[in-house]
Each structure stands twice: as C-alpha cells, then as structure tokens.
C-alpha cells in the first residue's frame, strides 16, 4: 500500500491552532479566580506560619510544575524544596522534617507514586495541601486542604496531554506563593538579598557609591567666582557637567554646556563673567548610599546627563554620569 503525501497545512490553520491553545489555557486560568475562597486563604496562612519548608512534590508534568513552584517560593521568601515521589520511596523521604508542609500536585489525584508517599507523610505529622483536578480523589481525601485546579478541556487536540491543567496548577501555585510573600511582608530589599547575581541583583543592590566617579582628575569643580572661560574649558574636557562649590566644597550649583550657551546668547564678553551668573543654583544631587537605579530615575526624569554626589552636608564627594550607569548595565 502506497502512503499518500499529506496535504500541506496552511499557515492560517497553524495560527488558528496556536490561538486555540492560548485561548483554552487563558480561560482555564481565568476560571480559577471564582474558586478562590476560604480554602485558599487557609492554605496561605498555613504556609506563612510554618517553621520549616514547603516541600513540593508531583510526578510527570505535575513534577515539572512542582519544581518551578519550589523555586518560586524560595525566591520570594519562603524556603522550599522539590521532593521526587519515587526518590522519596528510596530514602529521600528523610528530607522531611518537623515544621515542613507538603504541597502535592496531581491532576488525577490517583498517581501511585504519590499514593504510596502519603501514608509516610501522615505518620510524620506533616500537613498536606493538594492541588488537584479531582476533589474526590485519593490524594484529596488524605490532604488537609484541597485547592481545585480542574479545567474543562486540555489544549491538546485529543484532550490527553496535560496542557491547560498544568498551566492552571502553575498559576494556582504562583498565587499561593505571591499571597504568602505579601503576608510575610517580603519586600524589594528582601528580594535583592536573595538575588545578588546578574542584572537583577545589580539593579536591586548597587548604590551610587558603587558606580560614581571619585578620581579628582575626573571630578571637576569650580568656585562661584571662577569665570565662564574656565567653565567652558571644564565642560569641554570633563564630560559636560561641572559642579560649582563654595569654600567648604559644598555644592551650590552646576553648569552645563546648555547653561553656558543660553547665557552666552547676545553677550560678546561672556567668558569674563563669573560662573555664578550662568549656573543652575538649584542643582539635582544625590547621596552615595542611594540605589543607583534611583539616580538613573532622577537623571531620566529631569533630562540631565550627570548629577553631583554629595554627603549629608552637601559636600561634593563624586560625580555620576548616565554613561556610568549604562556601562554598569543598570538601565
């Protein structure tokens, strides 16, 4: 028998299928909203009050979602680990300690691997919260709390492969993690402490002191009595923004190329005038211990290229330029 060549699938059908999947999965997640009630609130409070860890477990696609949720809990202030139910039966159950709570994921609630694990967890006196599509399943009956993550249909065209159900379980787990995080008062500083590496860590932890220029040869400063000729030289050679200081090195103004150009308009002898005549007497400044991202926000909000860094008494301690922030990948 000769196999026939299948007709090519048109692009329109491919796009249509993709849209169907996105619609089914988004509707599945949306359907969870109306189900949240006292069981969800109680689950959040139980997790927030434990002295140990959230031990997330599941097999197959549920296991993959469980790994992700363990990571999400951990990165948002709730210590969590993933426990593979098969490995648990071969010694890893020793990972469970007093004060832990188990978050068990299973679409059917009847997976044999979880079923064999539940009596052990029960004997240890560890509470179980189940995320399942079957509230009457074996898992649900053994659990202390059950969160219904059932879906009407999978995005799989044969309604077989876990797709919408996996997405629903993931979304419900994220909802738990975020609600627990808020209940515990987990804030940006806590997040920064747990994410010290990479671009995210820099944005959340680096201060102005980590980025600013302090080299005297690169931090220009002029007294208010200096003339605009000197200011022009500094602007041309020192990256465009020059702090103006008093006799005690307190910043009393800044002058930029724009300030100089506006003042020079119509004045032939402007280079002999004092810098105080053209400077901005209300400059934007920032302290060295402020987050570098705050400095970036200041620079962008006011459309400036650089900002003097001052101590608590307004003494000049450095300069911070936009390109320093760019070079540090803080944008």
Protein backbone atom coordinates (compact mmCIF):
# COMPACT_ATOMS: atom_id res chain seq x y z
CA UNK A 1 0.00 0.00 0.00
CA UNK A 2 1.46 3.33 -1.07
CA UNK A 3 1.34 6.10 1.52
CA UNK A 4 -0.24 9.28 0.25
CA UNK A 5 1.52 12.57 0.74
CA UNK A 6 -0.43 14.62 3.28
CA UNK A 7 -1.79 17.92 2.13
CA UNK A 8 0.33 20.81 3.34
CA UNK A 9 -1.11 22.59 6.37
CA UNK A 10 -1.84 26.23 5.55
CA UNK A 11 -0.38 28.98 7.71
CA UNK A 12 -3.88 30.06 8.66
CA UNK A 13 -4.54 26.68 10.30
CA UNK A 14 -1.26 26.78 12.21
CA UNK A 15 -2.07 30.24 13.54
CA UNK A 16 -5.62 29.19 14.37
CA UNK A 17 -4.35 26.22 16.39
CA UNK A 18 -1.94 28.40 18.31
CA UNK A 19 -4.74 30.83 19.14
CA UNK A 20 -6.95 27.96 20.28
CA UNK A 21 -4.28 26.80 22.73
CA UNK A 22 -3.75 30.27 24.14
CA UNK A 23 -7.49 30.82 24.48
CA UNK A 24 -8.09 27.49 26.21
CA UNK A 25 -5.21 27.96 28.64
CA UNK A 26 -6.07 31.59 29.44
CA UNK A 27 -9.72 30.66 30.05
CA UNK A 28 -8.62 27.79 32.27
CA UNK A 29 -6.57 30.12 34.44
CA UNK A 30 -9.35 32.72 34.50
CA UNK A 31 -11.80 30.08 35.73
CA UNK A 32 -9.71 29.64 38.89
CA UNK A 33 -10.46 33.17 40.07
CA UNK A 34 -14.01 32.41 41.13
CA UNK A 35 -12.91 29.31 43.06
CA UNK A 36 -10.62 31.10 45.47
CA UNK A 37 -12.18 31.21 48.90
CA UNK A 38 -11.55 30.15 52.47
CA UNK A 39 -9.51 27.10 51.47
CA UNK A 40 -7.06 29.33 49.59
CA UNK A 41 -6.85 31.79 52.48
CA UNK A 42 -6.26 28.96 54.95
CA UNK A 43 -3.59 27.45 52.71
CA UNK A 44 -1.77 30.78 52.54
CA UNK A 45 -1.91 31.21 56.32
CA UNK A 46 -0.68 27.68 56.94
CA UNK A 47 2.28 28.13 54.60
CA UNK A 48 3.14 31.52 56.07
CA UNK A 49 3.15 30.12 59.61
CA UNK A 50 5.33 27.03 59.15
CA UNK A 51 8.73 26.88 60.79
CA UNK A 52 10.22 24.60 58.14
CA UNK A 53 9.97 24.46 54.37
CA UNK A 54 7.35 23.98 51.70
CA UNK A 55 8.10 20.56 50.22
CA UNK A 56 6.58 20.49 46.73
CA UNK A 57 6.02 17.12 45.10
CA UNK A 58 4.49 15.64 41.97
CA UNK A 59 5.22 13.21 39.15
CA UNK A 60 5.37 13.71 35.39
CA UNK A 61 4.17 17.12 34.18
CA UNK A 62 2.97 17.85 37.71
CA UNK A 63 6.52 17.19 38.90
CA UNK A 64 7.91 19.72 36.44
CA UNK A 65 5.41 22.33 37.68
CA UNK A 66 6.29 21.38 41.26
CA UNK A 67 9.98 22.08 40.64
CA UNK A 68 9.14 25.51 39.31
CA UNK A 69 6.90 26.31 42.27
CA UNK A 70 9.59 25.27 44.75
CA UNK A 71 11.90 27.75 43.05
CA UNK A 72 9.24 30.48 43.11
CA UNK A 73 8.53 30.02 46.82
CA UNK A 74 12.25 30.06 47.65
CA UNK A 75 12.97 33.20 45.63
CA UNK A 76 10.12 35.11 47.27
CA UNK A 77 10.99 34.46 50.88
CA UNK A 78 9.50 31.03 51.63
CA UNK A 79 12.12 28.25 51.87
CA UNK A 80 11.04 25.37 49.62
CA UNK A 81 12.41 22.20 48.07
CA UNK A 82 11.23 19.72 45.47
CA UNK A 83 10.77 16.10 46.56
CA UNK A 84 10.55 13.49 43.82
CA UNK A 85 7.94 10.95 44.99
CA UNK A 86 9.84 7.98 43.53
CA UNK A 87 13.13 9.00 45.11
CA UNK A 88 11.23 9.63 48.35
CA UNK A 89 10.37 5.93 48.46
CA UNK A 90 14.09 5.13 48.27
CA UNK A 91 15.42 7.31 51.05
CA UNK A 92 14.68 10.91 50.11
CA UNK A 93 11.72 10.96 52.49
CA UNK A 94 14.43 11.70 55.03
CA UNK A 95 14.41 15.23 53.65
CA UNK A 96 11.15 15.83 55.54
CA UNK A 97 11.49 17.36 58.99
CA UNK A 98 9.20 18.73 61.66
CA UNK A 99 7.80 22.09 60.67
CA UNK A 100 7.60 21.27 56.95
CA UNK A 101 4.44 21.41 54.86
CA UNK A 102 3.85 19.33 51.72
CA UNK A 103 2.31 20.85 48.61
CA UNK A 104 1.28 17.89 46.44
CA UNK A 105 0.36 18.27 42.76
CA UNK A 106 -1.57 15.67 40.77
CA UNK A 107 -4.16 16.19 38.04
CA UNK A 108 -5.94 12.91 38.76
CA UNK A 109 -5.08 12.70 42.43
CA UNK A 110 -4.55 8.98 41.88
CA UNK A 111 -0.88 8.69 40.90
CA UNK A 112 0.53 5.59 42.56
CA UNK A 113 3.80 7.31 43.38
CA UNK A 114 2.07 9.98 45.45
CA UNK A 115 -0.39 7.49 46.91
CA UNK A 116 2.45 5.44 48.40
CA UNK A 117 4.08 8.60 49.79
CA UNK A 118 1.02 10.00 51.58
CA UNK A 119 0.93 7.45 54.49
CA UNK A 120 4.57 8.23 55.27
CA UNK A 121 3.87 11.96 55.34
CA UNK A 122 0.84 11.35 57.54
CA UNK A 123 2.87 9.32 60.06
CA UNK A 124 5.37 12.18 60.28
CA UNK A 125 2.53 14.55 61.17
CA UNK A 126 3.30 16.87 58.24
CA UNK A 127 0.30 18.76 56.80
CA UNK A 128 -0.56 18.34 53.12
CA UNK A 129 -2.12 20.82 50.72
CA UNK A 130 -3.25 19.22 47.46
CA UNK A 131 -3.57 20.89 44.07
CA UNK A 132 -5.69 18.53 42.01
CA UNK A 133 -8.41 18.43 39.35
CA UNK A 134 -10.27 15.73 41.31
CA UNK A 135 -11.51 16.90 44.72
CA UNK A 136 -12.80 13.38 45.47
CA UNK A 137 -9.53 11.62 44.65
CA UNK A 138 -7.34 9.58 46.99
CA UNK A 139 -4.90 12.47 47.28
CA UNK A 140 -7.67 14.90 48.12
CA UNK A 141 -9.05 12.61 50.83
CA UNK A 142 -5.63 12.35 52.50
CA UNK A 143 -4.87 16.08 52.26
CA UNK A 144 -5.59 18.63 54.98
CA UNK A 145 -6.60 21.21 52.39
CA UNK A 146 -7.58 20.87 48.73
CA UNK A 147 -7.37 23.53 46.02
CA UNK A 148 -9.38 22.72 42.92
CA UNK A 149 -7.35 23.29 39.73
CA UNK A 150 -9.61 21.40 37.35
CA UNK A 151 -10.11 22.54 33.75
CA UNK A 152 -12.92 21.88 31.30
CA UNK A 153 -10.67 20.69 28.49
CA UNK A 154 -6.97 20.32 27.76
CA UNK A 155 -5.41 22.37 24.98
CA UNK A 156 -4.23 19.08 23.48
CA UNK A 157 -6.40 18.40 20.38
CA UNK A 158 -7.09 14.90 21.75
CA UNK A 159 -7.79 16.20 25.28
CA UNK A 160 -4.99 13.96 26.57
CA UNK A 161 -1.64 15.70 27.15
CA UNK A 162 -1.59 17.86 30.30
CA UNK A 163 -1.57 21.41 28.97
CA UNK A 164 -4.31 23.62 30.35
CA UNK A 165 -4.30 21.60 33.58
CA UNK A 166 -0.54 22.11 34.03
CA UNK A 167 -0.93 25.82 33.39
CA UNK A 168 -3.79 26.03 35.91
CA UNK A 169 -1.74 24.25 38.59
CA UNK A 170 1.22 26.53 37.92
CA UNK A 171 -0.96 29.64 38.18
CA UNK A 172 -2.56 28.46 41.43
CA UNK A 173 0.87 27.71 42.89
CA UNK A 174 2.09 31.16 41.89
CA UNK A 175 -1.00 32.68 43.53
CA UNK A 176 -0.14 30.85 46.75
CA UNK A 177 3.49 31.95 46.65
CA UNK A 178 2.69 35.60 45.99
CA UNK A 179 -0.02 35.76 48.67
CA UNK A 180 2.32 34.15 51.21
CA UNK A 181 5.09 36.55 50.23
CA UNK A 182 2.83 39.54 50.81
CA UNK A 183 1.51 38.15 54.08
CA UNK A 184 5.07 37.76 55.32
CA UNK A 185 5.93 41.34 54.33
CA UNK A 186 8.54 40.28 51.80
CA UNK A 187 9.81 43.48 50.14
CA UNK A 188 12.27 44.66 47.48
CA UNK A 189 15.17 44.64 49.94
CA UNK A 190 14.46 41.01 50.80
CA UNK A 191 14.21 40.17 47.12
CA UNK A 192 17.57 41.82 46.48
CA UNK A 193 19.16 39.78 49.28
CA UNK A 194 18.05 36.56 47.59
CA UNK A 195 19.01 37.66 44.06
CA UNK A 196 22.55 39.07 44.32
CA UNK A 197 23.71 37.94 40.90
CA UNK A 198 23.19 39.21 37.37
CA UNK A 199 21.43 42.31 36.12
CA UNK A 200 18.58 41.94 38.59
CA UNK A 201 20.94 41.84 41.53
CA UNK A 202 22.75 44.94 40.35
CA UNK A 203 19.55 46.89 39.92
CA UNK A 204 18.35 45.97 43.39
CA UNK A 205 21.59 46.23 45.36
CA UNK A 206 24.10 48.57 43.72
CA UNK A 207 24.33 52.01 45.23
CA UNK A 208 25.56 55.28 43.78
CA UNK A 209 28.85 54.68 45.61
CA UNK A 210 29.38 51.51 43.54
CA UNK A 211 29.17 53.43 40.27
CA UNK A 212 30.18 57.05 40.89
CA UNK A 213 33.46 58.67 39.87
CA UNK A 214 35.71 59.86 42.68
CA UNK A 215 39.00 60.39 40.85
CA UNK A 216 39.87 64.12 41.35
CA UNK A 217 41.11 64.31 37.76
CA UNK A 218 37.65 63.28 36.55
CA UNK A 219 35.53 65.22 39.05
CA UNK A 220 35.67 68.88 38.03
CA UNK A 221 34.68 71.59 40.46
CA UNK A 222 34.80 75.36 40.18
CA UNK A 223 34.22 78.10 42.69
CA UNK A 224 31.35 80.50 42.05
CA UNK A 225 33.88 83.29 41.45
CA UNK A 226 35.56 81.48 38.53
CA UNK A 227 34.85 82.95 35.10
CA UNK A 228 32.92 81.33 32.29
CA UNK A 229 36.08 80.85 30.27
CA UNK A 230 37.26 78.38 32.91
CA UNK A 231 33.83 76.80 32.94
CA UNK A 232 33.93 76.35 29.16
CA UNK A 233 37.27 74.57 29.43
CA UNK A 234 35.99 72.22 32.14
CA UNK A 235 32.76 71.49 30.26
CA UNK A 236 34.69 70.62 27.12
CA UNK A 237 37.15 68.35 28.90
CA UNK A 238 35.15 66.91 31.82
CA UNK A 239 32.09 65.30 30.27
CA UNK A 240 29.80 68.30 30.11
CA UNK A 241 28.60 68.92 33.68
CA UNK A 242 30.63 70.92 36.20
CA UNK A 243 29.67 71.27 39.89
CA UNK A 244 30.07 74.70 41.45
CA UNK A 245 31.22 74.68 45.08
CA UNK A 246 31.74 77.17 47.88
CA UNK A 247 34.87 77.49 50.02
CA UNK A 248 33.93 74.39 52.03
CA UNK A 249 33.37 72.22 48.91
CA UNK A 250 29.59 72.34 49.30
CA UNK A 251 27.73 72.15 46.01
CA UNK A 252 25.94 75.44 45.32
CA UNK A 253 25.19 74.90 41.64
CA UNK A 254 26.10 73.18 38.38
CA UNK A 255 26.86 74.49 34.94
CA UNK A 256 26.42 72.58 31.69
CA UNK A 257 27.00 73.30 28.03
CA UNK A 258 23.33 74.22 27.75
CA UNK A 259 23.55 76.74 30.59
CA UNK A 260 26.62 78.30 29.02
CA UNK A 261 25.05 78.51 25.55
CA UNK A 262 21.86 80.14 26.84
CA UNK A 263 23.81 82.70 28.86
CA UNK A 264 26.25 83.48 26.03
CA UNK A 265 23.47 84.36 23.58
CA UNK A 266 23.87 88.10 22.83
CA UNK A 267 26.83 88.60 25.16
CA UNK A 268 30.15 89.01 23.35
CA UNK A 269 32.20 89.25 26.55
CA UNK A 270 30.51 86.42 28.44
CA UNK A 271 33.75 84.47 29.02
CA UNK A 272 34.85 87.05 31.61
CA UNK A 273 31.62 86.84 33.59
CA UNK A 274 31.51 84.84 36.83
CA UNK A 275 30.22 81.30 36.61
CA UNK A 276 27.58 82.16 39.20
CA UNK A 277 25.81 84.29 36.58
CA UNK A 278 25.09 81.31 34.35
CA UNK A 279 24.95 78.31 36.69
CA UNK A 280 21.87 76.47 37.83
CA UNK A 281 21.69 77.45 41.51
CA UNK A 282 19.23 74.64 42.35
CA UNK A 283 21.02 71.56 41.05
CA UNK A 284 19.84 67.98 41.36
CA UNK A 285 22.15 66.00 43.66
CA UNK A 286 22.14 62.53 45.15
CA UNK A 287 23.74 60.76 48.11
CA UNK A 288 26.30 57.95 47.72
CA UNK A 289 24.17 55.38 49.60
CA UNK A 290 21.09 55.81 47.40
CA UNK A 291 20.33 52.99 44.98
CA UNK A 292 21.95 53.54 41.60
CA UNK A 293 18.55 52.91 39.99
CA UNK A 294 17.20 55.91 41.91
CA UNK A 295 19.96 58.03 40.39
CA UNK A 296 19.03 56.73 36.95
CA UNK A 297 15.39 57.66 37.58
CA UNK A 298 16.48 61.16 38.67
CA UNK A 299 18.65 61.64 35.58
CA UNK A 300 15.96 60.43 33.20
CA UNK A 301 13.12 62.35 34.86
CA UNK A 302 14.94 65.68 34.61
CA UNK A 303 16.64 65.10 31.28
CA UNK A 304 20.16 65.63 32.59
CA UNK A 305 23.36 63.76 31.81
CA UNK A 306 25.10 63.81 35.18
CA UNK A 307 24.48 64.52 38.83
CA UNK A 308 26.85 65.57 41.62
CA UNK A 309 27.13 63.11 44.50
CA UNK A 310 27.07 64.82 47.90
CA UNK A 311 27.27 63.79 51.54
CA UNK A 312 24.72 64.70 54.21
CA UNK A 313 26.16 68.25 54.41
CA UNK A 314 26.17 68.77 50.61
CA UNK A 315 29.95 68.36 50.29
CA UNK A 316 30.94 67.12 46.84
CA UNK A 317 32.18 63.52 47.02
CA UNK A 318 31.88 62.41 43.40
CA UNK A 319 30.06 62.59 40.09
CA UNK A 320 27.64 60.18 38.46
CA UNK A 321 27.13 60.21 34.69
CA UNK A 322 24.45 58.50 32.67
CA UNK A 323 27.06 56.55 30.73
CA UNK A 324 28.45 55.19 34.04
CA UNK A 325 25.02 53.70 34.72
CA UNK A 326 24.84 52.36 31.18
CA UNK A 327 28.27 50.80 31.49
CA UNK A 328 27.19 49.12 34.73
CA UNK A 329 24.12 47.72 32.89
CA UNK A 330 21.71 49.34 35.32
CA UNK A 331 19.26 50.51 32.68
